[in-house]
């Protein structure tokens, strides 16, 4: 029987694309556009020994909150327990790894929700994560942000959408997708994923003192780089127990038009009393550094899978 488990630190949250699609579809069915309301639900999956959380399933939970008083909210625990038993019956390897909110930004009551909704629940991998989802993104980039709680504060962690699991799709489906005259839906999906990666750019940022508080450093860097584009992630090297900064180089990932040039232009600028050094890091996919387009990479990826 799976029991509540604990680990000291989360390094990354990887969301399966089907989970994201189901959450967005559910939000669009349940919530009127521009109503300001959100859908809240539970995330299922697993966590590696390196602190990487894989989100492979989800379900919505009835959730109500007072628009004027954020301290008034309710989470249907009975519904959660019922759904969890049902999902565990289908796949015993998936445990509760956190919860999601279809609001792109943190809300005032999120920390209280985070601290209490899984209290005394079984099959929970602590620390749980919160994934916020932008169901109506206005620019390219990862529509998710992830956090976990340390000392009554949210710590942002890297998040990404998992690539399509081509290996798990039957050979006949792949052949159908690649048949001349077909809709090439698989290639389109993979191309969209790599376009998202192409739109991201990462930098090594240094110049700060390691005596700074990690959360303060994240806040300073987010404010400093927000003029360059959308700040996807800020990965500060931290001690797993004390949360103290352990290295003088932090990775900042941005997306948006002109993000590279704008960020490099900040090299040598002042960040609250210290001078920042900004260095461009190589892309996640080395082939794209040579000029290969996302479409070319998707076609090569699928062709390589077909030949295996």
C-alpha atoms as a PDB file:
ATOM      1  CA  UNK A   1       0.000   0.000   0.000  1.00  0.00           C
ATOM      2  CA  UNK A   2       1.304   3.444  -0.897  1.00  0.00           C
ATOM      3  CA  UNK A   3       1.606   5.837   2.025  1.00  0.00           C
ATOM      4  CA  UNK A   4       2.405   9.494   2.451  1.00  0.00           C
ATOM      5  CA  UNK A   5       6.039  10.079   1.456  1.00  0.00           C
ATOM      6  CA  UNK A   6       8.324  13.062   1.870  1.00  0.00           C
ATOM      7  CA  UNK A   7      11.323  14.581   0.121  1.00  0.00           C
ATOM      8  CA  UNK A   8      13.099  17.824   0.895  1.00  0.00           C
ATOM      9  CA  UNK A   9      13.168  19.487  -2.493  1.00  0.00           C
ATOM     10  CA  UNK A  10      11.565  19.648  -5.936  1.00  0.00           C
ATOM     11  CA  UNK A  11      13.801  20.348  -8.939  1.00  0.00           C
ATOM     12  CA  UNK A  12      11.369  20.302 -11.871  1.00  0.00           C
ATOM     13  CA  UNK A  13       7.730  19.597 -12.728  1.00  0.00           C
ATOM     14  CA  UNK A  14       7.017  17.913 -16.080  1.00  0.00           C
ATOM     15  CA  UNK A  15       3.365  17.951 -17.195  1.00  0.00           C
ATOM     16  CA  UNK A  16       2.086  15.414 -19.722  1.00  0.00           C
ATOM     17  CA  UNK A  17       0.399  17.202 -22.671  1.00  0.00           C
ATOM     18  CA  UNK A  18      -2.809  15.159 -22.317  1.00  0.00           C
ATOM     19  CA  UNK A  19      -3.136  16.347 -18.726  1.00  0.00           C
ATOM     20  CA  UNK A  20      -2.835  19.955 -19.857  1.00  0.00           C
ATOM     21  CA  UNK A  21      -5.375  19.451 -22.635  1.00  0.00           C
ATOM     22  CA  UNK A  22      -7.892  17.807 -20.290  1.00  0.00           C
ATOM     23  CA  UNK A  23      -7.556  20.584 -17.709  1.00  0.00           C
ATOM     24  CA  UNK A  24      -8.065  23.301 -20.325  1.00  0.00           C
ATOM     25  CA  UNK A  25     -11.060  21.477 -21.826  1.00  0.00           C
ATOM     26  CA  UNK A  26     -12.567  21.058 -18.368  1.00  0.00           C
ATOM     27  CA  UNK A  27     -12.082  24.744 -17.574  1.00  0.00           C
ATOM     28  CA  UNK A  28     -13.715  25.821 -20.832  1.00  0.00           C
ATOM     29  CA  UNK A  29     -16.745  23.632 -20.122  1.00  0.00           C
ATOM     30  CA  UNK A  30     -17.196  24.687 -16.508  1.00  0.00           C
ATOM     31  CA  UNK A  31     -16.186  28.346 -16.358  1.00  0.00           C
ATOM     32  CA  UNK A  32     -17.682  31.270 -18.243  1.00  0.00           C
ATOM     33  CA  UNK A  33     -15.101  33.342 -20.107  1.00  0.00           C
ATOM     34  CA  UNK A  34     -13.867  36.446 -18.247  1.00  0.00           C
ATOM     35  CA  UNK A  35     -15.789  35.429 -15.102  1.00  0.00           C
ATOM     36  CA  UNK A  36     -12.640  35.510 -12.990  1.00  0.00           C
ATOM     37  CA  UNK A  37     -13.407  32.057 -11.616  1.00  0.00           C
ATOM     38  CA  UNK A  38     -11.079  29.097 -11.803  1.00  0.00           C
ATOM     39  CA  UNK A  39     -11.066  25.320 -11.749  1.00  0.00           C
ATOM     40  CA  UNK A  40      -9.056  23.545  -9.068  1.00  0.00           C
ATOM     41  CA  UNK A  41      -8.072  19.904  -9.145  1.00  0.00           C
ATOM     42  CA  UNK A  42      -5.645  17.201  -8.118  1.00  0.00           C
ATOM     43  CA  UNK A  43      -2.487  16.172  -9.969  1.00  0.00           C
ATOM     44  CA  UNK A  44      -1.380  12.545 -10.055  1.00  0.00           C
ATOM     45  CA  UNK A  45       1.950  11.107 -11.086  1.00  0.00           C
ATOM     46  CA  UNK A  46       5.318  10.202  -9.633  1.00  0.00           C
ATOM     47  CA  UNK A  47       8.564  11.739  -8.438  1.00  0.00           C
ATOM     48  CA  UNK A  48      12.103  10.616  -9.156  1.00  0.00           C
ATOM     49  CA  UNK A  49      14.921  10.400  -6.640  1.00  0.00           C
ATOM     50  CA  UNK A  50      16.343  13.566  -8.245  1.00  0.00           C
ATOM     51  CA  UNK A  51      13.248  15.565  -7.316  1.00  0.00           C
ATOM     52  CA  UNK A  52      11.636  15.606 -10.772  1.00  0.00           C
ATOM     53  CA  UNK A  53       7.836  15.416 -10.589  1.00  0.00           C
ATOM     54  CA  UNK A  54       6.046  13.815 -13.529  1.00  0.00           C
ATOM     55  CA  UNK A  55       2.354  14.721 -13.836  1.00  0.00           C
ATOM     56  CA  UNK A  56       0.523  12.025 -15.798  1.00  0.00           C
ATOM     57  CA  UNK A  57      -3.099  12.380 -14.694  1.00  0.00           C
ATOM     58  CA  UNK A  58      -5.541  14.766 -13.046  1.00  0.00           C
ATOM     59  CA  UNK A  59      -9.118  15.278 -11.953  1.00  0.00           C
ATOM     60  CA  UNK A  60     -11.134  18.362 -11.054  1.00  0.00           C
ATOM     61  CA  UNK A  61     -12.529  18.861  -7.550  1.00  0.00           C
ATOM     62  CA  UNK A  62     -15.504  21.113  -6.666  1.00  0.00           C
ATOM     63  CA  UNK A  63     -13.994  24.293  -5.262  1.00  0.00           C
ATOM     64  CA  UNK A  64     -15.677  27.487  -4.105  1.00  0.00           C
ATOM     65  CA  UNK A  65     -14.168  30.751  -2.917  1.00  0.00           C
ATOM     66  CA  UNK A  66     -15.513  34.121  -1.876  1.00  0.00           C
ATOM     67  CA  UNK A  67     -14.616  36.814  -4.397  1.00  0.00           C
ATOM     68  CA  UNK A  68     -14.423  39.455  -1.665  1.00  0.00           C
ATOM     69  CA  UNK A  69     -12.928  37.479   1.207  1.00  0.00           C
ATOM     70  CA  UNK A  70     -10.103  35.145   0.075  1.00  0.00           C
ATOM     71  CA  UNK A  71     -10.040  33.458   3.486  1.00  0.00           C
ATOM     72  CA  UNK A  72     -13.428  31.890   2.709  1.00  0.00           C
ATOM     73  CA  UNK A  73     -13.071  28.863   0.461  1.00  0.00           C
ATOM     74  CA  UNK A  74     -14.054  25.199   0.326  1.00  0.00           C
ATOM     75  CA  UNK A  75     -12.476  22.121  -1.255  1.00  0.00           C
ATOM     76  CA  UNK A  76     -14.709  19.040  -1.606  1.00  0.00           C
ATOM     77  CA  UNK A  77     -12.545  16.506   0.212  1.00  0.00           C
ATOM     78  CA  UNK A  78     -15.157  13.730  -0.107  1.00  0.00           C
ATOM     79  CA  UNK A  79     -15.137  14.086  -3.889  1.00  0.00           C
ATOM     80  CA  UNK A  80     -11.332  14.086  -3.863  1.00  0.00           C
ATOM     81  CA  UNK A  81     -11.182  10.882  -1.809  1.00  0.00           C
ATOM     82  CA  UNK A  82     -13.732   9.181  -4.074  1.00  0.00           C
ATOM     83  CA  UNK A  83     -11.881  10.150  -7.263  1.00  0.00           C
ATOM     84  CA  UNK A  84      -8.530   9.145  -5.788  1.00  0.00           C
ATOM     85  CA  UNK A  85      -9.809   5.666  -4.900  1.00  0.00           C
ATOM     86  CA  UNK A  86     -11.149   5.274  -8.430  1.00  0.00           C
ATOM     87  CA  UNK A  87      -7.890   6.382 -10.076  1.00  0.00           C
ATOM     88  CA  UNK A  88      -5.787   4.208  -7.754  1.00  0.00           C
ATOM     89  CA  UNK A  89      -7.925   1.259  -8.783  1.00  0.00           C
ATOM     90  CA  UNK A  90      -7.012   1.939 -12.419  1.00  0.00           C
ATOM     91  CA  UNK A  91      -3.321   2.684 -11.874  1.00  0.00           C
ATOM     92  CA  UNK A  92      -1.807   2.004  -8.472  1.00  0.00           C
ATOM     93  CA  UNK A  93       1.535   3.538  -9.519  1.00  0.00           C
ATOM     94  CA  UNK A  94       0.155   7.089  -9.659  1.00  0.00           C
ATOM     95  CA  UNK A  95       0.149   9.050  -6.396  1.00  0.00           C
ATOM     96  CA  UNK A  96      -0.948  12.570  -5.491  1.00  0.00           C
ATOM     97  CA  UNK A  97       1.874  14.947  -6.431  1.00  0.00           C
ATOM     98  CA  UNK A  98      -0.016  18.220  -6.030  1.00  0.00           C
ATOM     99  CA  UNK A  99      -2.878  20.342  -7.275  1.00  0.00           C
ATOM    100  CA  UNK A 100      -3.612  22.745 -10.101  1.00  0.00           C
ATOM    101  CA  UNK A 101      -5.351  26.065 -10.573  1.00  0.00           C
ATOM    102  CA  UNK A 102      -6.576  27.488 -13.886  1.00  0.00           C
ATOM    103  CA  UNK A 103      -5.487  30.955 -12.840  1.00  0.00           C
ATOM    104  CA  UNK A 104      -2.145  31.961 -14.379  1.00  0.00           C
ATOM    105  CA  UNK A 105      -1.018  33.788 -11.242  1.00  0.00           C
ATOM    106  CA  UNK A 106      -0.934  32.972  -7.550  1.00  0.00           C
ATOM    107  CA  UNK A 107      -3.948  34.080  -5.521  1.00  0.00           C
ATOM    108  CA  UNK A 108      -3.983  35.353  -1.965  1.00  0.00           C
ATOM    109  CA  UNK A 109      -5.498  32.162  -0.546  1.00  0.00           C
ATOM    110  CA  UNK A 110      -3.341  29.694  -2.494  1.00  0.00           C
ATOM    111  CA  UNK A 111      -0.861  29.140   0.329  1.00  0.00           C
ATOM    112  CA  UNK A 112      -3.689  28.290   2.744  1.00  0.00           C
ATOM    113  CA  UNK A 113      -5.232  25.924   0.197  1.00  0.00           C
ATOM    114  CA  UNK A 114      -1.851  24.348  -0.472  1.00  0.00           C
ATOM    115  CA  UNK A 115      -1.173  23.751   3.225  1.00  0.00           C
ATOM    116  CA  UNK A 116      -4.458  22.075   4.058  1.00  0.00           C
ATOM    117  CA  UNK A 117      -6.208  20.254   1.204  1.00  0.00           C
ATOM    118  CA  UNK A 118      -4.102  17.073   1.441  1.00  0.00           C
ATOM    119  CA  UNK A 119      -3.699  17.047   5.216  1.00  0.00           C
ATOM    120  CA  UNK A 120      -4.271  13.516   6.578  1.00  0.00           C
ATOM    121  CA  UNK A 121      -4.754  12.154   3.043  1.00  0.00           C
ATOM    122  CA  UNK A 122      -3.214   8.896   1.808  1.00  0.00           C
ATOM    123  CA  UNK A 123      -1.097   8.376  -1.310  1.00  0.00           C
ATOM    124  CA  UNK A 124       0.493  11.836  -1.134  1.00  0.00           C
ATOM    125  CA  UNK A 125       4.087  12.577  -2.183  1.00  0.00           C
ATOM    126  CA  UNK A 126       5.211  15.503  -0.040  1.00  0.00           C
ATOM    127  CA  UNK A 127       6.110  18.223  -0.633  1.00  0.00           C
ATOM    128  CA  UNK A 128       3.186  18.654  -2.996  1.00  0.00           C
ATOM    129  CA  UNK A 129       3.387  21.109  -5.889  1.00  0.00           C
ATOM    130  CA  UNK A 130       0.999  23.743  -7.171  1.00  0.00           C
ATOM    131  CA  UNK A 131       0.807  24.146 -10.943  1.00  0.00           C
ATOM    132  CA  UNK A 132      -0.905  27.281 -12.234  1.00  0.00           C
ATOM    133  CA  UNK A 133      -2.185  27.094 -15.797  1.00  0.00           C
ATOM    134  CA  UNK A 134      -2.879  29.930 -18.213  1.00  0.00           C
ATOM    135  CA  UNK A 135      -5.847  28.587 -20.188  1.00  0.00           C
ATOM    136  CA  UNK A 136      -5.912  31.661 -22.448  1.00  0.00           C
ATOM    137  CA  UNK A 137      -2.232  32.451 -23.143  1.00  0.00           C
ATOM    138  CA  UNK A 138      -1.573  35.632 -25.101  1.00  0.00           C
ATOM    139  CA  UNK A 139       1.962  34.742 -26.173  1.00  0.00           C
ATOM    140  CA  UNK A 140       4.081  31.719 -26.999  1.00  0.00           C
ATOM    141  CA  UNK A 141       5.704  29.965 -24.093  1.00  0.00           C
ATOM    142  CA  UNK A 142       4.988  27.358 -21.455  1.00  0.00           C
ATOM    143  CA  UNK A 143       1.448  27.972 -20.117  1.00  0.00           C
ATOM    144  CA  UNK A 144       2.315  26.517 -16.707  1.00  0.00           C
ATOM    145  CA  UNK A 145       4.146  27.672 -13.597  1.00  0.00           C
ATOM    146  CA  UNK A 146       5.014  25.409 -10.677  1.00  0.00           C
ATOM    147  CA  UNK A 147       5.646  26.022  -6.995  1.00  0.00           C
ATOM    148  CA  UNK A 148       6.159  24.221  -3.726  1.00  0.00           C
ATOM    149  CA  UNK A 149       6.039  25.646  -0.218  1.00  0.00           C
ATOM    150  CA  UNK A 150       9.032  26.332   2.027  1.00  0.00           C
ATOM    151  CA  UNK A 151       8.581  28.098   5.372  1.00  0.00           C
ATOM    152  CA  UNK A 152       5.110  29.417   4.510  1.00  0.00           C
ATOM    153  CA  UNK A 153       6.212  30.835   1.160  1.00  0.00           C
ATOM    154  CA  UNK A 154       5.982  29.555  -2.397  1.00  0.00           C
ATOM    155  CA  UNK A 155       9.237  28.674  -4.148  1.00  0.00           C
ATOM    156  CA  UNK A 156       9.020  28.645  -7.974  1.00  0.00           C
ATOM    157  CA  UNK A 157      10.460  25.615  -9.735  1.00  0.00           C
ATOM    158  CA  UNK A 158      11.171  24.829 -13.356  1.00  0.00           C
ATOM    159  CA  UNK A 159       8.222  23.447 -15.315  1.00  0.00           C
ATOM    160  CA  UNK A 160       7.862  22.071 -18.816  1.00  0.00           C
ATOM    161  CA  UNK A 161       5.422  20.195 -21.019  1.00  0.00           C
ATOM    162  CA  UNK A 162       6.583  16.663 -21.768  1.00  0.00           C
ATOM    163  CA  UNK A 163       7.276  15.896 -25.447  1.00  0.00           C
ATOM    164  CA  UNK A 164       4.775  13.662 -27.266  1.00  0.00           C
ATOM    165  CA  UNK A 165       5.398  10.052 -26.321  1.00  0.00           C
ATOM    166  CA  UNK A 166       6.037   8.826 -29.837  1.00  0.00           C
ATOM    167  CA  UNK A 167       7.476   5.541 -28.607  1.00  0.00           C
ATOM    168  CA  UNK A 168       4.185   4.641 -26.969  1.00  0.00           C
ATOM    169  CA  UNK A 169       2.101   5.199 -30.099  1.00  0.00           C
ATOM    170  CA  UNK A 170       1.457   2.126 -32.231  1.00  0.00           C
ATOM    171  CA  UNK A 171       3.449   1.736 -35.453  1.00  0.00           C
ATOM    172  CA  UNK A 172       0.235   1.616 -37.484  1.00  0.00           C
ATOM    173  CA  UNK A 173      -0.836   5.003 -36.122  1.00  0.00           C
ATOM    174  CA  UNK A 174       2.547   6.496 -36.985  1.00  0.00           C
ATOM    175  CA  UNK A 175       2.348   5.134 -40.524  1.00  0.00           C
ATOM    176  CA  UNK A 176      -1.167   6.555 -40.912  1.00  0.00           C
ATOM    177  CA  UNK A 177      -0.007   9.956 -39.684  1.00  0.00           C
ATOM    178  CA  UNK A 178       2.846   9.984 -42.200  1.00  0.00           C
ATOM    179  CA  UNK A 179       0.837   8.741 -45.175  1.00  0.00           C
ATOM    180  CA  UNK A 180       0.864  11.267 -48.067  1.00  0.00           C
ATOM    181  CA  UNK A 181      -2.379  13.197 -48.028  1.00  0.00           C
ATOM    182  CA  UNK A 182      -2.911  12.559 -44.311  1.00  0.00           C
ATOM    183  CA  UNK A 183      -3.243  15.351 -41.790  1.00  0.00           C
ATOM    184  CA  UNK A 184       0.230  14.740 -40.297  1.00  0.00           C
ATOM    185  CA  UNK A 185      -1.245  15.468 -36.871  1.00  0.00           C
ATOM    186  CA  UNK A 186       1.620  13.793 -35.045  1.00  0.00           C
ATOM    187  CA  UNK A 187       4.247  15.851 -36.848  1.00  0.00           C
ATOM    188  CA  UNK A 188       2.213  18.996 -36.175  1.00  0.00           C
ATOM    189  CA  UNK A 189       2.070  18.192 -32.454  1.00  0.00           C
ATOM    190  CA  UNK A 190       5.801  17.588 -32.235  1.00  0.00           C
ATOM    191  CA  UNK A 191       6.506  20.723 -34.271  1.00  0.00           C
ATOM    192  CA  UNK A 192       4.376  22.769 -31.856  1.00  0.00           C
ATOM    193  CA  UNK A 193       6.350  21.384 -28.925  1.00  0.00           C
ATOM    194  CA  UNK A 194       9.700  22.268 -30.495  1.00  0.00           C
ATOM    195  CA  UNK A 195       8.461  25.710 -31.511  1.00  0.00           C
ATOM    196  CA  UNK A 196       7.758  26.259 -27.835  1.00  0.00           C
ATOM    197  CA  UNK A 197      11.333  25.210 -27.023  1.00  0.00           C
ATOM    198  CA  UNK A 198      12.728  27.404 -29.802  1.00  0.00           C
ATOM    199  CA  UNK A 199      10.954  30.376 -28.300  1.00  0.00           C
ATOM    200  CA  UNK A 200      12.782  29.911 -24.984  1.00  0.00           C
ATOM    201  CA  UNK A 201      16.239  31.230 -24.232  1.00  0.00           C
ATOM    202  CA  UNK A 202      18.295  30.593 -21.095  1.00  0.00           C
ATOM    203  CA  UNK A 203      21.015  32.673 -19.465  1.00  0.00           C
ATOM    204  CA  UNK A 204      23.544  32.134 -16.719  1.00  0.00           C
ATOM    205  CA  UNK A 205      23.255  35.044 -14.306  1.00  0.00           C
ATOM    206  CA  UNK A 206      25.939  35.841 -11.740  1.00  0.00           C
ATOM    207  CA  UNK A 207      27.264  38.693  -9.632  1.00  0.00           C
ATOM    208  CA  UNK A 208      25.112  38.254  -6.536  1.00  0.00           C
ATOM    209  CA  UNK A 209      26.294  37.316  -3.047  1.00  0.00           C
ATOM    210  CA  UNK A 210      25.364  33.826  -1.846  1.00  0.00           C
ATOM    211  CA  UNK A 211      24.353  35.292   1.531  1.00  0.00           C
ATOM    212  CA  UNK A 212      21.196  36.643  -0.114  1.00  0.00           C
ATOM    213  CA  UNK A 213      17.891  34.970   0.658  1.00  0.00           C
ATOM    214  CA  UNK A 214      16.933  32.657  -2.226  1.00  0.00           C
ATOM    215  CA  UNK A 215      13.380  33.995  -2.448  1.00  0.00           C
ATOM    216  CA  UNK A 216      14.629  37.593  -2.442  1.00  0.00           C
ATOM    217  CA  UNK A 217      17.019  36.764  -5.291  1.00  0.00           C
ATOM    218  CA  UNK A 218      14.209  35.194  -7.321  1.00  0.00           C
ATOM    219  CA  UNK A 219      12.050  38.281  -6.788  1.00  0.00           C
ATOM    220  CA  UNK A 220      14.877  40.666  -7.766  1.00  0.00           C
ATOM    221  CA  UNK A 221      15.745  38.745 -10.919  1.00  0.00           C
ATOM    222  CA  UNK A 222      12.117  38.414 -11.972  1.00  0.00           C
ATOM    223  CA  UNK A 223      11.620  42.171 -11.727  1.00  0.00           C
ATOM    224  CA  UNK A 224      14.933  42.884 -13.466  1.00  0.00           C
ATOM    225  CA  UNK A 225      14.294  40.618 -16.458  1.00  0.00           C
ATOM    226  CA  UNK A 226      10.541  41.075 -16.913  1.00  0.00           C
ATOM    227  CA  UNK A 227      11.153  43.873 -19.423  1.00  0.00           C
ATOM    228  CA  UNK A 228      12.968  41.361 -21.665  1.00  0.00           C
ATOM    229  CA  UNK A 229      10.010  39.024 -22.130  1.00  0.00           C
ATOM    230  CA  UNK A 230       8.058  36.422 -20.213  1.00  0.00           C
ATOM    231  CA  UNK A 231      10.090  35.029 -17.303  1.00  0.00           C
ATOM    232  CA  UNK A 232       9.584  31.265 -17.619  1.00  0.00           C
ATOM    233  CA  UNK A 233      11.785  30.048 -14.756  1.00  0.00           C
ATOM    234  CA  UNK A 234      14.481  31.211 -12.360  1.00  0.00           C
ATOM    235  CA  UNK A 235      16.551  28.298 -11.059  1.00  0.00           C
ATOM    236  CA  UNK A 236      18.551  29.350  -8.022  1.00  0.00           C
ATOM    237  CA  UNK A 237      20.956  26.642  -6.750  1.00  0.00           C
ATOM    238  CA  UNK A 238      19.820  25.975  -3.178  1.00  0.00           C
ATOM    239  CA  UNK A 239      20.672  23.695  -0.277  1.00  0.00           C
ATOM    240  CA  UNK A 240      17.958  20.992  -0.022  1.00  0.00           C
ATOM    241  CA  UNK A 241      17.439  21.526   3.715  1.00  0.00           C
ATOM    242  CA  UNK A 242      18.359  25.121   4.595  1.00  0.00           C
ATOM    243  CA  UNK A 243      17.285  26.609   1.233  1.00  0.00           C
ATOM    244  CA  UNK A 244      20.492  28.698   1.310  1.00  0.00           C
ATOM    245  CA  UNK A 245      22.030  29.703  -2.033  1.00  0.00           C
ATOM    246  CA  UNK A 246      24.872  27.303  -2.867  1.00  0.00           C
ATOM    247  CA  UNK A 247      26.315  28.712  -6.103  1.00  0.00           C
ATOM    248  CA  UNK A 248      27.028  32.083  -7.696  1.00  0.00           C
ATOM    249  CA  UNK A 249      25.358  31.223 -11.020  1.00  0.00           C
ATOM    250  CA  UNK A 250      21.578  31.134 -11.502  1.00  0.00           C
ATOM    251  CA  UNK A 251      19.751  30.095 -14.670  1.00  0.00           C
ATOM    252  CA  UNK A 252      17.056  32.454 -15.972  1.00  0.00           C
ATOM    253  CA  UNK A 253      14.826  31.261 -18.822  1.00  0.00           C
ATOM    254  CA  UNK A 254      12.846  33.773 -20.895  1.00  0.00           C
ATOM    255  CA  UNK A 255      10.504  33.661 -23.859  1.00  0.00           C
ATOM    256  CA  UNK A 256       9.224  36.318 -26.212  1.00  0.00           C
ATOM    257  CA  UNK A 257      10.319  38.295 -29.229  1.00  0.00           C
ATOM    258  CA  UNK A 258      13.753  39.850 -28.831  1.00  0.00           C
ATOM    259  CA  UNK A 259      14.320  38.259 -25.403  1.00  0.00           C
ATOM    260  CA  UNK A 260      17.921  37.339 -26.209  1.00  0.00           C
ATOM    261  CA  UNK A 261      19.003  40.814 -27.249  1.00  0.00           C
ATOM    262  CA  UNK A 262      17.121  42.516 -24.413  1.00  0.00           C
ATOM    263  CA  UNK A 263      18.568  40.225 -21.746  1.00  0.00           C
ATOM    264  CA  UNK A 264      22.132  40.523 -23.019  1.00  0.00           C
ATOM    265  CA  UNK A 265      21.705  44.299 -22.972  1.00  0.00           C
ATOM    266  CA  UNK A 266      21.251  44.048 -19.190  1.00  0.00           C
ATOM    267  CA  UNK A 267      24.781  42.680 -18.768  1.00  0.00           C
ATOM    268  CA  UNK A 268      26.610  44.991 -16.361  1.00  0.00           C
ATOM    269  CA  UNK A 269      23.434  46.624 -15.044  1.00  0.00           C
ATOM    270  CA  UNK A 270      22.680  47.225 -11.366  1.00  0.00           C
ATOM    271  CA  UNK A 271      20.313  44.875  -9.518  1.00  0.00           C
ATOM    272  CA  UNK A 272      19.625  46.322  -6.097  1.00  0.00           C
ATOM    273  CA  UNK A 273      23.243  47.093  -5.304  1.00  0.00           C
ATOM    274  CA  UNK A 274      25.082  44.379  -7.233  1.00  0.00           C
ATOM    275  CA  UNK A 275      26.171  44.219 -10.872  1.00  0.00           C
ATOM    276  CA  UNK A 276      24.673  41.420 -12.919  1.00  0.00           C
ATOM    277  CA  UNK A 277      26.642  39.360 -15.426  1.00  0.00           C
ATOM    278  CA  UNK A 278      24.510  37.758 -18.168  1.00  0.00           C
ATOM    279  CA  UNK A 279      25.779  34.886 -20.350  1.00  0.00           C
ATOM    280  CA  UNK A 280      23.745  33.167 -23.070  1.00  0.00           C
ATOM    281  CA  UNK A 281      23.436  29.387 -22.611  1.00  0.00           C
ATOM    282  CA  UNK A 282      23.216  26.886 -25.518  1.00  0.00           C
ATOM    283  CA  UNK A 283      19.705  25.774 -26.604  1.00  0.00           C
ATOM    284  CA  UNK A 284      18.107  22.654 -25.119  1.00  0.00           C
ATOM    285  CA  UNK A 285      18.138  20.986 -28.552  1.00  0.00           C
ATOM    286  CA  UNK A 286      21.590  21.174 -30.114  1.00  0.00           C
ATOM    287  CA  UNK A 287      20.304  20.601 -33.668  1.00  0.00           C
ATOM    288  CA  UNK A 288      18.368  23.863 -33.509  1.00  0.00           C
ATOM    289  CA  UNK A 289      21.587  25.759 -32.913  1.00  0.00           C
ATOM    290  CA  UNK A 290      22.598  24.804 -36.464  1.00  0.00           C
ATOM    291  CA  UNK A 291      19.486  26.426 -37.909  1.00  0.00           C
ATOM    292  CA  UNK A 292      17.239  23.364 -38.213  1.00  0.00           C
ATOM    293  CA  UNK A 293      13.589  24.412 -38.143  1.00  0.00           C
ATOM    294  CA  UNK A 294      11.036  22.920 -35.750  1.00  0.00           C
ATOM    295  CA  UNK A 295       9.261  21.298 -38.710  1.00  0.00           C
ATOM    296  CA  UNK A 296      12.469  19.682 -39.934  1.00  0.00           C
ATOM    297  CA  UNK A 297      13.257  18.422 -36.462  1.00  0.00           C
ATOM    298  CA  UNK A 298       9.723  16.977 -36.035  1.00  0.00           C
ATOM    299  CA  UNK A 299       9.918  15.159 -39.386  1.00  0.00           C
ATOM    300  CA  UNK A 300      13.344  13.748 -38.530  1.00  0.00           C
ATOM    301  CA  UNK A 301      12.140  12.672 -35.079  1.00  0.00           C
ATOM    302  CA  UNK A 302       9.136  10.779 -36.460  1.00  0.00           C
ATOM    303  CA  UNK A 303      11.135   9.289 -39.342  1.00  0.00           C
ATOM    304  CA  UNK A 304      13.719   8.012 -36.881  1.00  0.00           C
ATOM    305  CA  UNK A 305      10.994   6.426 -34.771  1.00  0.00           C
ATOM    306  CA  UNK A 306       9.444   4.725 -37.795  1.00  0.00           C
ATOM    307  CA  UNK A 307      12.779   3.191 -38.760  1.00  0.00           C
ATOM    308  CA  UNK A 308      13.378   1.655 -35.322  1.00  0.00           C
END
